[in-house]
Structure formats: structure tokens, C-alpha cells
């Protein structure tokens, strides 16, 4: 757990405290992580973040659907 950046351990105890990020910070982290995952999984840069969001949403419906969404967006 020491590699997790938003956890702080209290000195001399086993208690961990999560840092609270503002909504904008969490959204920026999600956008960066989602974009990196999109590039790693599809092997290409997204056209825009909307394409990444469609791909992420498609993951819940299965990998094939996500790939088809990414391809369809790239062709538009």
C-alpha cells in the first residue's frame, strides 16, 4: 500500500488516512488514466476525450463493443 499516493500512514500505527481530493482533481486523474488505458489497449491516440469516454463506457458491455466504438469514432 505504500505505492498508493493518496494514503498517509499515521506514525506508529497501522491506521491509513486517505487524502481527500477535490472533484476536479479526481476527474483529471480519471481522464489521464482512462486515456493511457485507451492508448495501451487500442494501440493509438484517441481523437478526443469523448472517444475515450465512449470506449470506457463500452467496457462494461464487453471488449468487442468497446473496440467497435473506438473504431466507429475514429472513422467519423
C-alpha atoms as a PDB file:
ATOM      1  CA  UNK A   1       0.000   0.000   0.000  1.00  0.00           C
ATOM      2  CA  UNK A   2       2.957   2.351   0.268  1.00  0.00           C
ATOM      3  CA  UNK A   3       2.909   2.864  -3.526  1.00  0.00           C
ATOM      4  CA  UNK A   4      -0.584   4.365  -3.360  1.00  0.00           C
ATOM      5  CA  UNK A   5      -0.064   8.113  -3.449  1.00  0.00           C
ATOM      6  CA  UNK A   6      -3.192   9.343  -1.689  1.00  0.00           C
ATOM      7  CA  UNK A   7      -2.726   7.322   1.512  1.00  0.00           C
ATOM      8  CA  UNK A   8      -0.859   8.666   4.505  1.00  0.00           C
ATOM      9  CA  UNK A   9       0.120   6.343   7.365  1.00  0.00           C
ATOM     10  CA  UNK A  10      -0.039   7.701  10.896  1.00  0.00           C
ATOM     11  CA  UNK A  11       3.289   7.440  12.710  1.00  0.00           C
ATOM     12  CA  UNK A  12       3.490   4.360  14.948  1.00  0.00           C
ATOM     13  CA  UNK A  13       0.170   2.853  13.939  1.00  0.00           C
ATOM     14  CA  UNK A  14      -1.472   0.745  11.275  1.00  0.00           C
ATOM     15  CA  UNK A  15      -4.016   3.460  10.511  1.00  0.00           C
ATOM     16  CA  UNK A  16      -4.092   4.847   6.992  1.00  0.00           C
ATOM     17  CA  UNK A  17      -5.801   8.102   6.063  1.00  0.00           C
ATOM     18  CA  UNK A  18      -6.934   8.749   2.512  1.00  0.00           C
ATOM     19  CA  UNK A  19      -6.312  12.251   1.268  1.00  0.00           C
ATOM     20  CA  UNK A  20      -9.464  13.849   0.015  1.00  0.00           C
ATOM     21  CA  UNK A  21      -9.081  15.224  -3.495  1.00  0.00           C
ATOM     22  CA  UNK A  22     -11.473  17.767  -4.926  1.00  0.00           C
ATOM     23  CA  UNK A  23     -13.765  16.666  -7.733  1.00  0.00           C
ATOM     24  CA  UNK A  24     -11.638  18.422 -10.353  1.00  0.00           C
ATOM     25  CA  UNK A  25      -8.549  16.524  -9.205  1.00  0.00           C
ATOM     26  CA  UNK A  26     -10.343  13.147  -9.333  1.00  0.00           C
ATOM     27  CA  UNK A  27     -11.729  13.962 -12.787  1.00  0.00           C
ATOM     28  CA  UNK A  28      -8.263  14.915 -14.066  1.00  0.00           C
ATOM     29  CA  UNK A  29      -6.800  11.678 -12.674  1.00  0.00           C
ATOM     30  CA  UNK A  30      -9.600   9.638 -14.277  1.00  0.00           C
ATOM     31  CA  UNK A  31      -9.123  11.363 -17.631  1.00  0.00           C
ATOM     32  CA  UNK A  32      -5.382  10.713 -17.604  1.00  0.00           C
ATOM     33  CA  UNK A  33      -5.763   7.079 -16.509  1.00  0.00           C
ATOM     34  CA  UNK A  34      -8.569   6.384 -18.984  1.00  0.00           C
ATOM     35  CA  UNK A  35      -6.605   7.933 -21.844  1.00  0.00           C
ATOM     36  CA  UNK A  36      -3.493   5.907 -21.006  1.00  0.00           C
ATOM     37  CA  UNK A  37      -5.587   2.724 -20.882  1.00  0.00           C
ATOM     38  CA  UNK A  38      -7.229   3.571 -24.209  1.00  0.00           C
ATOM     39  CA  UNK A  39      -3.834   4.039 -25.884  1.00  0.00           C
ATOM     40  CA  UNK A  40      -2.441   0.835 -24.348  1.00  0.00           C
ATOM     41  CA  UNK A  41      -5.471  -1.255 -25.350  1.00  0.00           C
ATOM     42  CA  UNK A  42      -6.115   0.171 -28.832  1.00  0.00           C
ATOM     43  CA  UNK A  43      -2.548   0.987 -29.830  1.00  0.00           C
ATOM     44  CA  UNK A  44      -3.392   4.506 -30.996  1.00  0.00           C
ATOM     45  CA  UNK A  45      -4.085   8.035 -29.788  1.00  0.00           C
ATOM     46  CA  UNK A  46      -7.746   8.950 -29.267  1.00  0.00           C
ATOM     47  CA  UNK A  47      -9.358  11.577 -31.469  1.00  0.00           C
ATOM     48  CA  UNK A  48     -10.622  13.332 -28.319  1.00  0.00           C
ATOM     49  CA  UNK A  49     -11.614  12.532 -24.744  1.00  0.00           C
ATOM     50  CA  UNK A  50     -15.207  11.851 -25.809  1.00  0.00           C
ATOM     51  CA  UNK A  51     -13.882   8.860 -27.740  1.00  0.00           C
ATOM     52  CA  UNK A  52     -12.104   7.650 -24.599  1.00  0.00           C
ATOM     53  CA  UNK A  53     -15.302   8.018 -22.567  1.00  0.00           C
ATOM     54  CA  UNK A  54     -17.294   6.037 -25.130  1.00  0.00           C
ATOM     55  CA  UNK A  55     -14.621   3.328 -25.033  1.00  0.00           C
ATOM     56  CA  UNK A  56     -14.647   3.194 -21.205  1.00  0.00           C
ATOM     57  CA  UNK A  57     -18.449   3.012 -21.144  1.00  0.00           C
ATOM     58  CA  UNK A  58     -18.302   0.242 -23.718  1.00  0.00           C
ATOM     59  CA  UNK A  59     -16.020  -1.830 -21.484  1.00  0.00           C
ATOM     60  CA  UNK A  60     -18.959  -2.646 -19.259  1.00  0.00           C
ATOM     61  CA  UNK A  61     -20.671  -4.123 -22.310  1.00  0.00           C
ATOM     62  CA  UNK A  62     -17.633  -6.167 -23.325  1.00  0.00           C
ATOM     63  CA  UNK A  63     -14.274  -5.660 -25.007  1.00  0.00           C
ATOM     64  CA  UNK A  64     -15.591  -6.237 -28.532  1.00  0.00           C
ATOM     65  CA  UNK A  65     -18.194  -3.499 -28.174  1.00  0.00           C
ATOM     66  CA  UNK A  66     -15.553  -1.082 -26.814  1.00  0.00           C
ATOM     67  CA  UNK A  67     -13.267  -1.778 -29.777  1.00  0.00           C
ATOM     68  CA  UNK A  68     -16.137  -1.236 -32.210  1.00  0.00           C
ATOM     69  CA  UNK A  69     -16.998   2.076 -30.515  1.00  0.00           C
ATOM     70  CA  UNK A  70     -13.395   3.251 -30.740  1.00  0.00           C
ATOM     71  CA  UNK A  71     -13.180   2.289 -34.411  1.00  0.00           C
ATOM     72  CA  UNK A  72     -16.514   3.923 -35.248  1.00  0.00           C
ATOM     73  CA  UNK A  73     -15.493   7.184 -33.557  1.00  0.00           C
ATOM     74  CA  UNK A  74     -12.132   7.234 -35.305  1.00  0.00           C
ATOM     75  CA  UNK A  75     -13.827   6.874 -38.704  1.00  0.00           C
ATOM     76  CA  UNK A  76     -16.154   9.856 -38.059  1.00  0.00           C
END
